[in-house]
């Protein structure tokens, strides 16, 4: 049974800004860049599902009627990092930021792909997730995530689970960062095993990369 996430409206219209570096050339790649250190967020138990995800699944059932799968982390190499960086920058540059209300004319939270080239944070994150899966990244490592941003507003980002920590793809920042380097307050994200189950994120708690025992994806 779906459970409604009470913070859905809180993420409606506060996630449309993009940092200047995010507007770099769509063909920019991370050449000669050292992959930054990262940690793992500590996950709690199941929590309420965002209304926007429930609505997205109702309109695009093929995206959500998927079988549970074992948790898998991306095996992070320079090649996979370059793909992550490219997709992050391409999507940030390609989508025109607009609030949910101005875009859809409603205060009801609306998640979707950039069907008209515009959108807020959820549209950016969903598009990055879709394109990375097309590149061969495992669904279980690409997790929609709800946070409170530096202005105290609701925000949606994409967490990429890797064998070297949890990294964040964000429409408000051009660079990919460790989750604990964002300064955000993390609330919940999709379960690795089932995208229709959401789990709480323990506040201010991180694990070291070496603590991960999950199977790494073979893509490199």
Protein backbone atom coordinates (compact mmCIF):
# COMPACT_ATOMS: atom_id res chain seq x y z
CA UNK A 1 0.00 0.00 0.00
CA UNK A 2 1.25 3.48 -0.86
CA UNK A 3 1.95 5.76 2.08
CA UNK A 4 1.85 9.51 1.50
CA UNK A 5 4.89 11.63 2.28
CA UNK A 6 3.79 14.70 4.27
CA UNK A 7 6.74 16.79 3.01
CA UNK A 8 5.69 16.56 -0.65
CA UNK A 9 4.33 20.09 -0.91
CA UNK A 10 7.47 21.32 0.84
CA UNK A 11 9.52 20.31 -2.22
CA UNK A 12 7.19 21.98 -4.73
CA UNK A 13 8.78 25.23 -5.83
CA UNK A 14 12.06 25.69 -4.02
CA UNK A 15 14.45 23.76 -6.25
CA UNK A 16 14.73 25.55 -9.56
CA UNK A 17 18.01 27.46 -9.19
CA UNK A 18 21.16 26.26 -10.94
CA UNK A 19 24.70 27.24 -9.98
CA UNK A 20 26.62 28.98 -12.75
CA UNK A 21 29.03 26.07 -13.13
CA UNK A 22 26.12 23.78 -13.93
CA UNK A 23 25.61 25.59 -17.20
CA UNK A 24 28.90 24.43 -18.65
CA UNK A 25 29.10 23.00 -22.14
CA UNK A 26 27.02 19.81 -22.50
CA UNK A 27 30.18 18.10 -23.77
CA UNK A 28 32.29 18.90 -20.70
CA UNK A 29 33.93 15.81 -19.18
CA UNK A 30 35.90 15.22 -16.01
CA UNK A 31 39.36 14.77 -17.47
CA UNK A 32 42.33 14.82 -15.14
CA UNK A 33 40.02 15.07 -12.11
CA UNK A 34 40.59 13.18 -8.89
CA UNK A 35 37.48 11.44 -7.59
CA UNK A 36 36.71 13.06 -4.21
CA UNK A 37 36.46 10.99 -1.04
CA UNK A 38 32.99 10.02 0.13
CA UNK A 39 31.17 8.22 2.90
CA UNK A 40 27.95 6.25 3.11
CA UNK A 41 24.73 7.60 4.56
CA UNK A 42 23.27 5.36 7.26
CA UNK A 43 19.77 4.22 6.36
CA UNK A 44 16.90 3.68 8.79
CA UNK A 45 13.61 1.91 8.33
CA UNK A 46 10.84 2.38 5.76
CA UNK A 47 9.20 5.79 5.67
CA UNK A 48 6.41 7.53 3.79
CA UNK A 49 6.56 7.64 0.00
CA UNK A 50 6.52 11.12 -1.58
CA UNK A 51 3.19 11.91 -3.20
CA UNK A 52 5.06 13.00 -6.32
CA UNK A 53 6.50 9.50 -6.79
CA UNK A 54 3.06 7.94 -6.29
CA UNK A 55 1.60 10.27 -8.91
CA UNK A 56 4.54 9.64 -11.28
CA UNK A 57 3.95 5.90 -11.00
CA UNK A 58 0.25 6.36 -11.67
CA UNK A 59 1.00 8.20 -14.92
CA UNK A 60 4.00 6.07 -15.91
CA UNK A 61 3.30 2.60 -14.45
CA UNK A 62 5.99 1.00 -16.60
CA UNK A 63 8.58 2.96 -14.60
CA UNK A 64 7.45 1.56 -11.26
CA UNK A 65 6.03 -1.91 -11.88
CA UNK A 66 9.46 -3.48 -11.54
CA UNK A 67 10.62 -6.47 -9.52
CA UNK A 68 12.70 -6.07 -6.35
CA UNK A 69 16.41 -6.68 -6.98
CA UNK A 70 19.43 -7.26 -4.73
CA UNK A 71 21.24 -4.08 -3.69
CA UNK A 72 24.12 -3.22 -6.03
CA UNK A 73 26.70 -0.42 -5.85
CA UNK A 74 28.43 1.07 -8.89
CA UNK A 75 32.08 0.07 -9.23
CA UNK A 76 33.57 3.54 -9.46
CA UNK A 77 36.39 4.06 -11.95
CA UNK A 78 37.58 7.09 -13.90
CA UNK A 79 35.38 5.95 -16.78
CA UNK A 80 32.20 5.66 -14.68
CA UNK A 81 33.03 8.98 -12.99
CA UNK A 82 33.30 10.66 -16.41
CA UNK A 83 29.88 9.30 -17.36
CA UNK A 84 28.35 10.57 -14.11
CA UNK A 85 29.94 13.98 -14.59
CA UNK A 86 28.84 14.21 -18.23
CA UNK A 87 25.23 13.27 -17.51
CA UNK A 88 25.06 15.62 -14.54
CA UNK A 89 26.32 18.57 -16.58
CA UNK A 90 24.32 17.76 -19.72
CA UNK A 91 21.03 17.58 -17.85
CA UNK A 92 21.77 20.70 -15.79
CA UNK A 93 22.52 22.61 -18.99
CA UNK A 94 19.62 21.22 -21.03
CA UNK A 95 16.64 21.85 -18.73
CA UNK A 96 15.21 25.33 -18.18
CA UNK A 97 14.52 25.80 -14.45
CA UNK A 98 10.92 26.62 -13.53
CA UNK A 99 8.87 26.18 -10.39
CA UNK A 100 6.22 23.49 -10.14
CA UNK A 101 3.45 26.10 -9.87
CA UNK A 102 4.62 28.13 -12.87
CA UNK A 103 5.23 24.99 -14.90
CA UNK A 104 2.11 22.93 -14.21
CA UNK A 105 -0.22 25.56 -12.76
CA UNK A 106 -0.91 23.50 -9.66
CA UNK A 107 0.24 23.25 -6.07
CA UNK A 108 0.06 19.46 -6.28
CA UNK A 109 3.58 18.02 -6.47
CA UNK A 110 4.34 16.82 -10.01
CA UNK A 111 7.27 14.54 -10.91
CA UNK A 112 8.07 13.79 -14.53
CA UNK A 113 10.71 13.76 -17.23
CA UNK A 114 11.51 17.05 -19.06
CA UNK A 115 8.86 16.52 -21.73
CA UNK A 116 8.98 20.21 -22.70
CA UNK A 117 12.58 20.95 -21.71
CA UNK A 118 11.61 22.62 -18.44
CA UNK A 119 11.27 21.58 -14.83
CA UNK A 120 12.34 21.82 -11.21
CA UNK A 121 14.63 19.61 -9.14
CA UNK A 122 12.57 16.41 -9.43
CA UNK A 123 12.61 16.62 -13.23
CA UNK A 124 16.41 17.03 -13.26
CA UNK A 125 16.93 14.08 -10.91
CA UNK A 126 14.54 11.77 -12.76
CA UNK A 127 16.15 12.57 -16.10
CA UNK A 128 19.64 11.88 -14.75
CA UNK A 129 18.39 8.57 -13.34
CA UNK A 130 16.85 7.62 -16.69
CA UNK A 131 19.93 8.52 -18.74
CA UNK A 132 22.32 6.73 -16.38
CA UNK A 133 20.23 3.55 -16.60
CA UNK A 134 20.46 3.83 -20.39
CA UNK A 135 24.26 3.98 -19.92
CA UNK A 136 24.12 0.66 -18.07
CA UNK A 137 24.16 1.86 -14.47
CA UNK A 138 22.07 -0.39 -12.19
CA UNK A 139 18.70 0.90 -11.08
CA UNK A 140 19.50 -0.16 -7.51
CA UNK A 141 22.34 2.38 -7.30
CA UNK A 142 20.34 5.40 -8.59
CA UNK A 143 18.13 6.68 -5.80
CA UNK A 144 15.75 9.63 -5.75
CA UNK A 145 16.43 11.51 -2.51
CA UNK A 146 14.60 14.18 -0.48
CA UNK A 147 16.60 16.78 1.48
CA UNK A 148 16.38 20.25 3.00
CA UNK A 149 18.78 22.54 1.13
CA UNK A 150 21.08 25.30 2.43
CA UNK A 151 18.16 27.74 2.47
CA UNK A 152 16.06 25.36 4.54
CA UNK A 153 13.80 24.53 1.59
CA UNK A 154 12.69 21.17 0.24
CA UNK A 155 14.85 19.79 -2.54
CA UNK A 156 15.17 16.57 -4.57
CA UNK A 157 18.50 15.15 -5.78
CA UNK A 158 19.86 11.88 -7.13
CA UNK A 159 22.06 9.69 -4.94
CA UNK A 160 24.46 7.37 -6.74
CA UNK A 161 25.56 4.44 -4.57
CA UNK A 162 29.14 3.41 -5.36
CA UNK A 163 31.80 1.17 -3.88
CA UNK A 164 33.56 4.38 -2.78
CA UNK A 165 30.64 6.11 -1.09
CA UNK A 166 27.36 7.92 -1.79
CA UNK A 167 27.63 10.71 -4.38
CA UNK A 168 25.05 13.39 -5.18
CA UNK A 169 23.95 14.69 -8.58
CA UNK A 170 22.32 18.06 -8.02
CA UNK A 171 20.76 20.65 -10.35
CA UNK A 172 21.91 23.48 -8.07
CA UNK A 173 25.61 22.54 -8.18
CA UNK A 174 27.75 21.63 -11.19
CA UNK A 175 30.16 19.33 -9.36
CA UNK A 176 29.38 15.87 -8.04
CA UNK A 177 29.91 15.70 -4.27
CA UNK A 178 29.80 13.22 -1.43
CA UNK A 179 26.41 13.32 0.26
CA UNK A 180 27.96 14.66 3.47
CA UNK A 181 29.76 17.48 1.62
CA UNK A 182 26.52 19.10 0.44
CA UNK A 183 25.53 20.73 3.72
CA UNK A 184 21.99 19.45 3.14
CA UNK A 185 19.74 17.85 5.75
CA UNK A 186 18.83 14.41 4.42
CA UNK A 187 15.37 12.94 5.00
CA UNK A 188 14.61 9.95 2.80
CA UNK A 189 15.46 8.13 -0.39
CA UNK A 190 14.44 5.11 -2.40
CA UNK A 191 15.39 1.68 -1.18
CA UNK A 192 18.09 0.06 -3.28
CA UNK A 193 16.09 -3.14 -3.55
CA UNK A 194 12.72 -1.60 -4.46
CA UNK A 195 12.22 1.93 -5.87
CA UNK A 196 8.66 1.92 -4.53
CA UNK A 197 9.89 1.59 -0.95
CA UNK A 198 11.41 4.68 0.67
CA UNK A 199 13.72 4.62 3.67
CA UNK A 200 14.71 7.25 6.23
CA UNK A 201 18.26 8.64 6.31
CA UNK A 202 19.81 8.92 9.75
CA UNK A 203 20.66 12.60 10.44
CA UNK A 204 24.32 13.49 10.59
CA UNK A 205 25.53 9.89 10.50
CA UNK A 206 28.02 8.52 7.99
CA UNK A 207 29.90 5.29 7.46
CA UNK A 208 33.33 4.93 5.90
CA UNK A 209 33.56 3.49 2.36
CA UNK A 210 35.47 0.45 3.59
CA UNK A 211 32.42 -0.60 5.59
CA UNK A 212 30.43 -1.39 2.44
CA UNK A 213 29.96 -5.09 1.77
CA UNK A 214 27.54 -4.77 -1.13
CA UNK A 215 28.24 -6.29 -4.51
CA UNK A 216 29.84 -3.79 -6.91
CA UNK A 217 28.51 -3.38 -10.41
CA UNK A 218 30.91 -4.65 -13.08
CA UNK A 219 30.53 -1.58 -15.33
CA UNK A 220 33.75 0.43 -15.65
